[in-house]
Amino acid sequence: MSRKSPQQFVKRQKEMERARKAREKMAKRQEKKECLVTEKDLSENSDQLISNET
């Protein structure tokens, strides 16, 4: 089997780095979305608690 050229190795490394950054970015977006949903749920629950207390 022949070895791949150095240019192909560099290209593959760049592709892997780009894919890693994309995964991290998606994870951040998902975390942000979950945080917003949690905050929304908390605010709705606190509104219900306030209305139940009065």
N, C-alpha and C. Protein backbone atom coordinates (compact mmCIF):
# COMPACT_ATOMS: atom_id res chain seq x y z
N MET A 1 0.83 -1.18 0.00
CA MET A 1 0.00 0.00 0.00
C MET A 1 0.88 1.24 0.00
N SER A 2 0.46 2.20 -0.77
CA SER A 2 1.24 3.43 -0.82
C SER A 2 0.74 4.42 0.22
N ARG A 3 1.61 5.29 0.59
CA ARG A 3 1.25 6.31 1.57
C ARG A 3 0.57 7.47 0.87
N LYS A 4 -0.25 8.18 1.59
CA LYS A 4 -0.91 9.35 1.04
C LYS A 4 0.06 10.52 1.05
N SER A 5 -0.18 11.45 0.16
CA SER A 5 0.71 12.60 0.07
C SER A 5 0.53 13.52 1.26
N PRO A 6 1.54 14.29 1.57
CA PRO A 6 1.43 15.23 2.70
C PRO A 6 0.28 16.23 2.53
N GLN A 7 0.00 16.63 1.30
CA GLN A 7 -1.09 17.57 1.06
C GLN A 7 -2.43 16.96 1.47
N GLN A 8 -2.61 15.68 1.18
CA GLN A 8 -3.84 15.01 1.57
C GLN A 8 -3.96 14.91 3.08
N PHE A 9 -2.83 14.69 3.75
CA PHE A 9 -2.83 14.62 5.20
C PHE A 9 -3.25 15.96 5.79
N VAL A 10 -2.68 17.06 5.28
CA VAL A 10 -3.01 18.39 5.77
C VAL A 10 -4.48 18.69 5.50
N LYS A 11 -4.95 18.32 4.33
CA LYS A 11 -6.35 18.56 3.98
C LYS A 11 -7.26 17.80 4.94
N ARG A 12 -6.94 16.55 5.22
CA ARG A 12 -7.74 15.74 6.14
C ARG A 12 -7.74 16.35 7.54
N GLN A 13 -6.58 16.85 7.99
CA GLN A 13 -6.50 17.49 9.31
C GLN A 13 -7.39 18.72 9.36
N LYS A 14 -7.40 19.51 8.29
CA LYS A 14 -8.24 20.70 8.25
C LYS A 14 -9.71 20.32 8.29
N GLU A 15 -10.06 19.27 7.54
CA GLU A 15 -11.46 18.80 7.54
C GLU A 15 -11.88 18.35 8.93
N MET A 16 -11.01 17.63 9.62
CA MET A 16 -11.32 17.15 10.96
C MET A 16 -11.48 18.32 11.93
N GLU A 17 -10.62 19.32 11.81
CA GLU A 17 -10.70 20.50 12.68
C GLU A 17 -12.00 21.27 12.41
N ARG A 18 -12.36 21.42 11.15
CA ARG A 18 -13.60 22.11 10.79
C ARG A 18 -14.81 21.36 11.34
N ALA A 19 -14.80 20.05 11.23
CA ALA A 19 -15.91 19.24 11.76
C ALA A 19 -15.99 19.35 13.28
N ARG A 20 -14.83 19.37 13.95
CA ARG A 20 -14.80 19.50 15.41
C ARG A 20 -15.38 20.84 15.84
N LYS A 21 -15.00 21.90 15.16
CA LYS A 21 -15.52 23.22 15.50
C LYS A 21 -17.02 23.28 15.27
N ALA A 22 -17.49 22.64 14.20
CA ALA A 22 -18.93 22.63 13.91
C ALA A 22 -19.69 21.90 15.01
N ARG A 23 -19.14 20.78 15.49
CA ARG A 23 -19.79 20.05 16.58
C ARG A 23 -19.84 20.89 17.85
N GLU A 24 -18.75 21.57 18.16
CA GLU A 24 -18.72 22.42 19.35
C GLU A 24 -19.73 23.55 19.24
N LYS A 25 -19.81 24.14 18.06
CA LYS A 25 -20.75 25.25 17.85
C LYS A 25 -22.18 24.76 18.00
N MET A 26 -22.48 23.59 17.46
CA MET A 26 -23.82 23.03 17.57
C MET A 26 -24.15 22.71 19.03
N ALA A 27 -23.17 22.21 19.77
CA ALA A 27 -23.39 21.91 21.19
C ALA A 27 -23.68 23.19 21.96
N LYS A 28 -22.97 24.26 21.65
CA LYS A 28 -23.23 25.53 22.32
C LYS A 28 -24.63 26.03 22.02
N ARG A 29 -25.02 25.92 20.76
CA ARG A 29 -26.37 26.36 20.38
C ARG A 29 -27.43 25.55 21.11
N GLN A 30 -27.22 24.24 21.19
CA GLN A 30 -28.18 23.36 21.86
C GLN A 30 -28.25 23.70 23.34
N GLU A 31 -27.10 23.95 23.95
CA GLU A 31 -27.05 24.31 25.37
C GLU A 31 -27.79 25.62 25.61
N LYS A 32 -27.57 26.57 24.73
CA LYS A 32 -28.24 27.86 24.84
C LYS A 32 -29.75 27.70 24.72
N LYS A 33 -30.18 26.86 23.78
CA LYS A 33 -31.61 26.62 23.57
C LYS A 33 -32.22 25.97 24.81
N GLU A 34 -31.53 24.98 25.38
CA GLU A 34 -32.03 24.30 26.58
C GLU A 34 -32.11 25.26 27.75
N CYS A 35 -31.14 26.15 27.85
CA CYS A 35 -31.12 27.13 28.94
C CYS A 35 -32.32 28.06 28.81
N LEU A 36 -32.61 28.51 27.59
CA LEU A 36 -33.76 29.39 27.38
C LEU A 36 -35.06 28.69 27.72
N VAL A 37 -35.18 27.43 27.35
CA VAL A 37 -36.38 26.67 27.65
C VAL A 37 -36.53 26.52 29.16
N THR A 38 -35.44 26.23 29.83
CA THR A 38 -35.48 26.07 31.29
C THR A 38 -35.88 27.38 31.96
N GLU A 39 -35.31 28.50 31.51
CA GLU A 39 -35.66 29.79 32.09
C GLU A 39 -37.12 30.12 31.84
N LYS A 40 -37.61 29.77 30.66
CA LYS A 40 -39.01 30.03 30.33
C LYS A 40 -39.92 29.21 31.25
N ASP A 41 -39.56 27.94 31.45
CA ASP A 41 -40.35 27.08 32.34
C ASP A 41 -40.34 27.62 33.77
N LEU A 42 -39.17 28.08 34.21
CA LEU A 42 -39.07 28.62 35.57
C LEU A 42 -39.92 29.88 35.73
N SER A 43 -39.91 30.73 34.73
CA SER A 43 -40.69 31.96 34.83
C SER A 43 -42.19 31.64 34.82
N GLU A 44 -42.60 30.65 34.03
CA GLU A 44 -44.01 30.25 34.00
C GLU A 44 -44.41 29.66 35.35
N ASN A 45 -43.54 28.84 35.92
CA ASN A 45 -43.83 28.23 37.22
C ASN A 45 -43.91 29.29 38.31
N SER A 46 -43.02 30.27 38.26
CA SER A 46 -43.05 31.31 39.29
C SER A 46 -44.32 32.16 39.13
N ASP A 47 -44.77 32.40 37.90
CA ASP A 47 -46.01 33.13 37.68
C ASP A 47 -47.19 32.36 38.25
N GLN A 48 -47.18 31.05 38.07
CA GLN A 48 -48.27 30.22 38.59
C GLN A 48 -48.25 30.22 40.12
N LEU A 49 -47.06 30.16 40.71
CA LEU A 49 -46.96 30.16 42.17
C LEU A 49 -47.46 31.49 42.73
N ILE A 50 -47.12 32.57 42.08
CA ILE A 50 -47.57 33.89 42.55
C ILE A 50 -49.06 34.00 42.45
N SER A 51 -49.65 33.51 41.36
CA SER A 51 -51.11 33.61 41.20
C SER A 51 -51.83 32.68 42.18
N ASN A 52 -51.21 31.55 42.52
CA ASN A 52 -51.83 30.62 43.48
C ASN A 52 -51.77 31.17 44.90
N GLU A 53 -50.75 31.97 45.22
CA GLU A 53 -50.60 32.50 46.56
C GLU A 53 -51.60 33.62 46.83
N THR A 54 -52.03 34.31 45.82
CA THR A 54 -52.93 35.46 46.04
C THR A 54 -54.37 35.06 46.07
